[in-house]
Amino acid sequence: MKENQENRKLTKDEEKRQAAFEERAAKLAAEGYRQTELVASSGKANIVGPLLGLALTVPFILFFFLFRGERLAAGPNMDLFWRDYLLLIAAMLLSIPVHELIHGLTFCVFTEGKFKSLAFGFNRQALAPYCNCSEALTKGQYLTGLLMPCLLLGIIPCILAVALHSGYLLAFGAVMNMSAGGDLLIAQLLLRHKPQNETLYIDHPTKIGLSCFEKEG
């Protein structure tokens, strides 16, 4: 998830990133690109985002209970319950930095600067980590980097949960989908944006979202 500039003073690193972004935006404008911001407020990202993640998980929950319900009557194995519960909590905590690392590794596939093009940090106001990519990407590249954590940490565990009848995997996948809610919200904004000409997509340096640079004419 990306950081938000609202009602807070930028750090020196953020100011430097903001200045570099504005310089690139000015250069693209001189080359005939029109800038459009696709951003969301922190409030919307923190409320609507998790709801989108939950909606994505609902079909897996239904499949889990409809087709595996006969096994639920036996109840959990209490001898292993607390061990599995603690492992689940540990996995969720570990997934926080892993989520951002997946963003970064995926963006590195498409960028020339690799990790030099990335910035990782933590927004203390929103209590959310972030990964920011400063290079321009195509829509497909941006969406791939944006949604890869949701796929690897959320959707695939949900599929495995249904196949293996694992309530712990389902809980993990559900939480991961909801934690990727900000990414899903940005993806929704991006997919609704229908440019007519060549367009480049760059992470906004401080806000939750990105800027689209569409070639005019």
C-alpha atoms as a PDB file:
ATOM      1  CA  MET A   1       0.000   0.000   0.000  1.00  0.00           C
ATOM      2  CA  LYS A   2       1.194   3.499  -0.729  1.00  0.00           C
ATOM      3  CA  GLU A   3       1.552   6.311   1.715  1.00  0.00           C
ATOM      4  CA  ASN A   4      -0.712   9.318   1.975  1.00  0.00           C
ATOM      5  CA  GLN A   5       0.276  12.971   2.010  1.00  0.00           C
ATOM      6  CA  GLU A   6      -2.829  14.207   3.809  1.00  0.00           C
ATOM      7  CA  ASN A   7      -2.354  16.398   6.878  1.00  0.00           C
ATOM      8  CA  ARG A   8       1.219  15.500   7.591  1.00  0.00           C
ATOM      9  CA  LYS A   9       4.670  16.919   7.087  1.00  0.00           C
ATOM     10  CA  LEU A  10       6.787  15.083   4.545  1.00  0.00           C
ATOM     11  CA  THR A  11      10.091  13.581   5.606  1.00  0.00           C
ATOM     12  CA  LYS A  12      13.306  14.568   3.851  1.00  0.00           C
ATOM     13  CA  ASP A  13      13.225  11.364   1.788  1.00  0.00           C
ATOM     14  CA  GLU A  14       9.625  12.074   0.794  1.00  0.00           C
ATOM     15  CA  GLU A  15      10.461  15.644  -0.167  1.00  0.00           C
ATOM     16  CA  LYS A  16      13.331  14.365  -2.302  1.00  0.00           C
ATOM     17  CA  ARG A  17      11.049  11.814  -3.957  1.00  0.00           C
ATOM     18  CA  GLN A  18       8.383  14.464  -4.507  1.00  0.00           C
ATOM     19  CA  ALA A  19      10.910  16.787  -6.157  1.00  0.00           C
ATOM     20  CA  ALA A  20      12.170  14.022  -8.462  1.00  0.00           C
ATOM     21  CA  PHE A  21       8.589  13.167  -9.422  1.00  0.00           C
ATOM     22  CA  GLU A  22       7.727  16.789 -10.200  1.00  0.00           C
ATOM     23  CA  GLU A  23      10.853  17.081 -12.333  1.00  0.00           C
ATOM     24  CA  ARG A  24       9.871  13.973 -14.302  1.00  0.00           C
ATOM     25  CA  ALA A  25       6.277  15.184 -14.631  1.00  0.00           C
ATOM     26  CA  ALA A  26       7.483  18.525 -16.015  1.00  0.00           C
ATOM     27  CA  LYS A  27       9.692  16.743 -18.541  1.00  0.00           C
ATOM     28  CA  LEU A  28       6.795  14.537 -19.674  1.00  0.00           C
ATOM     29  CA  ALA A  29       4.539  17.584 -19.947  1.00  0.00           C
ATOM     30  CA  ALA A  30       7.124  19.210 -22.204  1.00  0.00           C
ATOM     31  CA  GLU A  31       7.042  16.068 -24.350  1.00  0.00           C
ATOM     32  CA  GLY A  32       3.288  16.388 -24.777  1.00  0.00           C
ATOM     33  CA  TYR A  33       1.928  14.199 -21.997  1.00  0.00           C
ATOM     34  CA  ARG A  34      -1.158  15.177 -19.982  1.00  0.00           C
ATOM     35  CA  GLN A  35      -1.134  14.198 -16.304  1.00  0.00           C
ATOM     36  CA  THR A  36      -4.121  12.658 -14.506  1.00  0.00           C
ATOM     37  CA  GLU A  37      -4.019  11.630 -10.852  1.00  0.00           C
ATOM     38  CA  LEU A  38      -5.749   8.434  -9.769  1.00  0.00           C
ATOM     39  CA  VAL A  39      -5.591   8.683  -5.977  1.00  0.00           C
ATOM     40  CA  ALA A  40      -7.721   7.791  -2.969  1.00  0.00           C
ATOM     41  CA  SER A  41      -7.988   9.277   0.496  1.00  0.00           C
ATOM     42  CA  SER A  42      -6.608   7.307   3.429  1.00  0.00           C
ATOM     43  CA  GLY A  43     -10.138   7.009   4.835  1.00  0.00           C
ATOM     44  CA  LYS A  44     -11.464   5.424   1.646  1.00  0.00           C
ATOM     45  CA  ALA A  45      -8.455   3.135   1.367  1.00  0.00           C
ATOM     46  CA  ASN A  46      -8.857   1.963   4.972  1.00  0.00           C
ATOM     47  CA  ILE A  47     -12.620   1.353   4.704  1.00  0.00           C
ATOM     48  CA  VAL A  48     -13.517   0.561   1.101  1.00  0.00           C
ATOM     49  CA  GLY A  49     -10.256  -1.288   0.437  1.00  0.00           C
ATOM     50  CA  PRO A  50     -10.770  -4.081   3.020  1.00  0.00           C
ATOM     51  CA  LEU A  51     -14.383  -4.447   1.866  1.00  0.00           C
ATOM     52  CA  LEU A  52     -13.117  -5.114  -1.663  1.00  0.00           C
ATOM     53  CA  GLY A  53     -10.733  -7.727  -0.257  1.00  0.00           C
ATOM     54  CA  LEU A  54     -13.559  -9.320   1.700  1.00  0.00           C
ATOM     55  CA  ALA A  55     -15.779  -9.411  -1.394  1.00  0.00           C
ATOM     56  CA  LEU A  56     -12.976 -11.164  -3.258  1.00  0.00           C
ATOM     57  CA  THR A  57     -12.836 -13.792  -0.502  1.00  0.00           C
ATOM     58  CA  VAL A  58     -16.581 -14.507  -0.246  1.00  0.00           C
ATOM     59  CA  PRO A  59     -16.703 -17.073  -3.112  1.00  0.00           C
ATOM     60  CA  PHE A  60     -13.912 -19.085  -1.465  1.00  0.00           C
ATOM     61  CA  ILE A  61     -15.708 -18.990   1.889  1.00  0.00           C
ATOM     62  CA  LEU A  62     -18.897 -20.249   0.234  1.00  0.00           C
ATOM     63  CA  PHE A  63     -17.071 -23.091  -1.526  1.00  0.00           C
ATOM     64  CA  PHE A  64     -15.302 -23.974   1.709  1.00  0.00           C
ATOM     65  CA  PHE A  65     -18.524 -24.371   3.704  1.00  0.00           C
ATOM     66  CA  LEU A  66     -20.784 -25.725   0.972  1.00  0.00           C
ATOM     67  CA  PHE A  67     -18.521 -28.492  -0.258  1.00  0.00           C
ATOM     68  CA  ARG A  68     -16.561 -29.286   2.874  1.00  0.00           C
ATOM     69  CA  GLY A  69     -19.225 -28.725   5.515  1.00  0.00           C
ATOM     70  CA  GLU A  70     -19.479 -32.386   6.501  1.00  0.00           C
ATOM     71  CA  ARG A  71     -15.990 -32.219   7.965  1.00  0.00           C
ATOM     72  CA  LEU A  72     -16.801 -29.252  10.180  1.00  0.00           C
ATOM     73  CA  ALA A  73     -18.980 -31.300  12.506  1.00  0.00           C
ATOM     74  CA  ALA A  74     -15.923 -33.006  13.977  1.00  0.00           C
ATOM     75  CA  GLY A  75     -14.584 -29.647  15.134  1.00  0.00           C
ATOM     76  CA  PRO A  76     -10.930 -28.609  15.401  1.00  0.00           C
ATOM     77  CA  ASN A  77      -8.194 -30.781  16.854  1.00  0.00           C
ATOM     78  CA  MET A  78      -7.710 -29.049  20.190  1.00  0.00           C
ATOM     79  CA  ASP A  79      -4.320 -30.688  20.690  1.00  0.00           C
ATOM     80  CA  LEU A  80      -3.029 -28.721  17.718  1.00  0.00           C
ATOM     81  CA  PHE A  81      -5.314 -25.699  17.910  1.00  0.00           C
ATOM     82  CA  TRP A  82      -3.059 -23.320  19.829  1.00  0.00           C
ATOM     83  CA  ARG A  83       0.040 -24.344  17.882  1.00  0.00           C
ATOM     84  CA  ASP A  84      -1.726 -23.738  14.566  1.00  0.00           C
ATOM     85  CA  TYR A  85      -3.288 -20.508  15.857  1.00  0.00           C
ATOM     86  CA  LEU A  86       0.109 -19.113  16.895  1.00  0.00           C
ATOM     87  CA  LEU A  87       1.613 -20.149  13.555  1.00  0.00           C
ATOM     88  CA  LEU A  88      -1.228 -18.346  11.802  1.00  0.00           C
ATOM     89  CA  ILE A  89      -0.587 -15.132  13.755  1.00  0.00           C
ATOM     90  CA  ALA A  90       3.153 -15.392  13.067  1.00  0.00           C
ATOM     91  CA  ALA A  91       2.513 -15.914   9.344  1.00  0.00           C
ATOM     92  CA  MET A  92       0.244 -12.859   9.221  1.00  0.00           C
ATOM     93  CA  LEU A  93       2.858 -10.688  10.911  1.00  0.00           C
ATOM     94  CA  LEU A  94       5.585 -11.965   8.602  1.00  0.00           C
ATOM     95  CA  SER A  95       3.393 -11.265   5.585  1.00  0.00           C
ATOM     96  CA  ILE A  96       3.492  -7.495   6.265  1.00  0.00           C
ATOM     97  CA  PRO A  97       7.048  -6.946   4.968  1.00  0.00           C
ATOM     98  CA  VAL A  98       6.710  -9.842   2.507  1.00  0.00           C
ATOM     99  CA  HIS A  99       3.720  -8.099   0.882  1.00  0.00           C
ATOM    100  CA  GLU A 100       5.801  -5.016   0.138  1.00  0.00           C
ATOM    101  CA  LEU A 101       8.798  -7.092  -0.956  1.00  0.00           C
ATOM    102  CA  ILE A 102       6.600  -8.887  -3.513  1.00  0.00           C
ATOM    103  CA  HIS A 103       5.542  -5.494  -4.882  1.00  0.00           C
ATOM    104  CA  GLY A 104       9.191  -4.533  -5.190  1.00  0.00           C
ATOM    105  CA  LEU A 105      10.441  -7.762  -6.730  1.00  0.00           C
ATOM    106  CA  THR A 106       7.681  -7.682  -9.322  1.00  0.00           C
ATOM    107  CA  PHE A 107       8.320  -4.053 -10.235  1.00  0.00           C
ATOM    108  CA  CYS A 108      12.033  -4.903 -10.563  1.00  0.00           C
ATOM    109  CA  VAL A 109      11.175  -7.230 -13.440  1.00  0.00           C
ATOM    110  CA  PHE A 110       9.961  -4.222 -15.458  1.00  0.00           C
ATOM    111  CA  THR A 111      12.277  -1.397 -14.369  1.00  0.00           C
ATOM    112  CA  GLU A 112      15.747  -0.465 -15.579  1.00  0.00           C
ATOM    113  CA  GLY A 113      16.938   0.737 -12.183  1.00  0.00           C
ATOM    114  CA  LYS A 114      15.675  -2.385 -10.358  1.00  0.00           C
ATOM    115  CA  PHE A 115      15.819  -1.751  -6.588  1.00  0.00           C
ATOM    116  CA  LYS A 116      17.279   1.717  -7.167  1.00  0.00           C
ATOM    117  CA  SER A 117      13.856   2.673  -8.531  1.00  0.00           C
ATOM    118  CA  LEU A 118      12.086   1.544  -5.352  1.00  0.00           C
ATOM    119  CA  ALA A 119      11.477   3.151  -1.984  1.00  0.00           C
ATOM    120  CA  PHE A 120      10.211   1.227   1.038  1.00  0.00           C
ATOM    121  CA  GLY A 121       8.888   2.853   4.178  1.00  0.00           C
ATOM    122  CA  PHE A 122       6.212   3.048   6.822  1.00  0.00           C
ATOM    123  CA  ASN A 123       3.506   5.692   7.063  1.00  0.00           C
ATOM    124  CA  ARG A 124       3.113   6.207  10.796  1.00  0.00           C
ATOM    125  CA  GLN A 125      -0.075   8.210  10.371  1.00  0.00           C
ATOM    126  CA  ALA A 126      -1.849   5.492   8.409  1.00  0.00           C
ATOM    127  CA  LEU A 127       0.045   2.696  10.211  1.00  0.00           C
ATOM    128  CA  ALA A 128       0.807   1.146   6.829  1.00  0.00           C
ATOM    129  CA  PRO A 129       4.012   0.080   5.084  1.00  0.00           C
ATOM    130  CA  TYR A 130       4.505   0.999   1.451  1.00  0.00           C
ATOM    131  CA  CYS A 131       6.554   0.309  -1.656  1.00  0.00           C
ATOM    132  CA  ASN A 132       6.955   3.121  -4.173  1.00  0.00           C
ATOM    133  CA  CYS A 133       8.219   2.678  -7.742  1.00  0.00           C
ATOM    134  CA  SER A 134       9.573   5.837  -9.385  1.00  0.00           C
ATOM    135  CA  GLU A 135       9.853   4.517 -12.959  1.00  0.00           C
ATOM    136  CA  ALA A 136       7.167   4.792 -15.629  1.00  0.00           C
ATOM    137  CA  LEU A 137       5.345   1.548 -16.420  1.00  0.00           C
ATOM    138  CA  THR A 138       2.696   0.327 -18.830  1.00  0.00           C
ATOM    139  CA  LYS A 139      -0.777  -0.434 -17.508  1.00  0.00           C
ATOM    140  CA  GLY A 140      -0.141  -4.187 -17.611  1.00  0.00           C
ATOM    141  CA  GLN A 141       3.189  -3.856 -15.801  1.00  0.00           C
ATOM    142  CA  TYR A 142       1.749  -1.600 -13.139  1.00  0.00           C
ATOM    143  CA  LEU A 143      -1.255  -3.851 -12.509  1.00  0.00           C
ATOM    144  CA  THR A 144       0.997  -6.906 -12.289  1.00  0.00           C
ATOM    145  CA  GLY A 145       3.208  -5.309  -9.656  1.00  0.00           C
ATOM    146  CA  LEU A 146       0.200  -3.901  -7.837  1.00  0.00           C
ATOM    147  CA  LEU A 147      -1.785  -7.147  -7.580  1.00  0.00           C
ATOM    148  CA  MET A 148       0.953  -9.776  -7.237  1.00  0.00           C
ATOM    149  CA  PRO A 149       0.898  -9.772  -3.383  1.00  0.00           C
ATOM    150  CA  CYS A 150      -2.872 -10.295  -3.412  1.00  0.00           C
ATOM    151  CA  LEU A 151      -2.458 -13.221  -5.816  1.00  0.00           C
ATOM    152  CA  LEU A 152       0.401 -14.934  -3.983  1.00  0.00           C
ATOM    153  CA  LEU A 153      -0.621 -14.243  -0.385  1.00  0.00           C
ATOM    154  CA  GLY A 154      -4.410 -14.073  -0.712  1.00  0.00           C
ATOM    155  CA  ILE A 155      -5.986 -15.814  -3.666  1.00  0.00           C
ATOM    156  CA  ILE A 156      -3.663 -18.834  -3.903  1.00  0.00           C
ATOM    157  CA  PRO A 157      -3.948 -19.628  -0.160  1.00  0.00           C
ATOM    158  CA  CYS A 158      -7.743 -19.378  -0.490  1.00  0.00           C
ATOM    159  CA  ILE A 159      -7.698 -21.873  -3.369  1.00  0.00           C
ATOM    160  CA  LEU A 160      -5.483 -24.215  -1.344  1.00  0.00           C
ATOM    161  CA  ALA A 161      -7.752 -23.757   1.676  1.00  0.00           C
ATOM    162  CA  VAL A 162     -10.736 -25.057  -0.284  1.00  0.00           C
ATOM    163  CA  ALA A 163      -8.738 -27.906  -1.827  1.00  0.00           C
ATOM    164  CA  LEU A 164      -7.153 -28.981   1.479  1.00  0.00           C
ATOM    165  CA  HIS A 165     -10.074 -27.977   3.713  1.00  0.00           C
ATOM    166  CA  SER A 166      -7.845 -25.810   5.869  1.00  0.00           C
ATOM    167  CA  GLY A 167      -9.626 -23.202   7.936  1.00  0.00           C
ATOM    168  CA  TYR A 168      -6.273 -21.678   8.854  1.00  0.00           C
ATOM    169  CA  LEU A 169      -5.301 -21.192   5.220  1.00  0.00           C
ATOM    170  CA  LEU A 170      -8.706 -19.681   4.525  1.00  0.00           C
ATOM    171  CA  ALA A 171      -8.321 -17.254   7.428  1.00  0.00           C
ATOM    172  CA  PHE A 172      -4.823 -16.336   6.256  1.00  0.00           C
ATOM    173  CA  GLY A 173      -5.976 -15.800   2.665  1.00  0.00           C
ATOM    174  CA  ALA A 174      -8.964 -13.739   3.774  1.00  0.00           C
ATOM    175  CA  VAL A 175      -6.814 -11.421   5.905  1.00  0.00           C
ATOM    176  CA  MET A 176      -4.265 -11.088   3.094  1.00  0.00           C
ATOM    177  CA  ASN A 177      -6.989 -10.166   0.598  1.00  0.00           C
ATOM    178  CA  MET A 178      -8.325  -7.550   2.997  1.00  0.00           C
ATOM    179  CA  SER A 179      -4.835  -6.185   3.681  1.00  0.00           C
ATOM    180  CA  ALA A 180      -4.427  -5.829  -0.089  1.00  0.00           C
ATOM    181  CA  GLY A 181      -7.604  -3.753  -0.174  1.00  0.00           C
ATOM    182  CA  GLY A 182      -5.725  -0.534  -0.929  1.00  0.00           C
ATOM    183  CA  ASP A 183      -4.095  -2.216  -3.911  1.00  0.00           C
ATOM    184  CA  LEU A 184      -7.476  -3.499  -5.102  1.00  0.00           C
ATOM    185  CA  LEU A 185      -8.940  -0.004  -4.790  1.00  0.00           C
ATOM    186  CA  ILE A 186      -6.130   1.492  -6.883  1.00  0.00           C
ATOM    187  CA  ALA A 187      -6.530  -1.301  -9.449  1.00  0.00           C
ATOM    188  CA  GLN A 188     -10.229  -0.470  -9.679  1.00  0.00           C
ATOM    189  CA  LEU A 189      -9.429   3.207 -10.319  1.00  0.00           C
ATOM    190  CA  LEU A 190      -6.855   2.235 -12.922  1.00  0.00           C
ATOM    191  CA  LEU A 191      -9.132  -0.166 -14.795  1.00  0.00           C
ATOM    192  CA  ARG A 192     -11.887   2.451 -14.936  1.00  0.00           C
ATOM    193  CA  HIS A 193      -9.482   4.933 -16.506  1.00  0.00           C
ATOM    194  CA  LYS A 194      -9.717   4.580 -20.300  1.00  0.00           C
ATOM    195  CA  PRO A 195      -6.996   6.628 -22.035  1.00  0.00           C
ATOM    196  CA  GLN A 196      -7.212   7.072 -25.801  1.00  0.00           C
ATOM    197  CA  ASN A 197      -3.481   7.349 -26.485  1.00  0.00           C
ATOM    198  CA  GLU A 198      -0.147   6.026 -25.260  1.00  0.00           C
ATOM    199  CA  THR A 199      -0.058   6.295 -21.469  1.00  0.00           C
ATOM    200  CA  LEU A 200       2.643   5.881 -18.832  1.00  0.00           C
ATOM    201  CA  TYR A 201       1.881   5.063 -15.207  1.00  0.00           C
ATOM    202  CA  ILE A 202       4.007   6.266 -12.289  1.00  0.00           C
ATOM    203  CA  ASP A 203       3.443   5.796  -8.563  1.00  0.00           C
ATOM    204  CA  HIS A 204       2.541   9.022  -6.854  1.00  0.00           C
ATOM    205  CA  PRO A 205       5.475   9.789  -4.533  1.00  0.00           C
ATOM    206  CA  THR A 206       3.349  10.426  -1.440  1.00  0.00           C
ATOM    207  CA  LYS A 207      -0.351   9.873  -2.101  1.00  0.00           C
ATOM    208  CA  ILE A 208      -2.291   6.608  -2.234  1.00  0.00           C
ATOM    209  CA  GLY A 209      -2.403   5.976  -5.957  1.00  0.00           C
ATOM    210  CA  LEU A 210      -0.598   6.948  -9.129  1.00  0.00           C
ATOM    211  CA  SER A 211      -0.341   9.489 -11.921  1.00  0.00           C
ATOM    212  CA  CYS A 212      -1.188   8.660 -15.523  1.00  0.00           C
ATOM    213  CA  PHE A 213       0.664  10.493 -18.288  1.00  0.00           C
ATOM    214  CA  GLU A 214      -1.257  10.295 -21.567  1.00  0.00           C
ATOM    215  CA  LYS A 215       0.301  11.412 -24.839  1.00  0.00           C
ATOM    216  CA  GLU A 216      -1.841  14.196 -26.281  1.00  0.00           C
ATOM    217  CA  GLY A 217      -2.989  13.959 -29.870  1.00  0.00           C
END
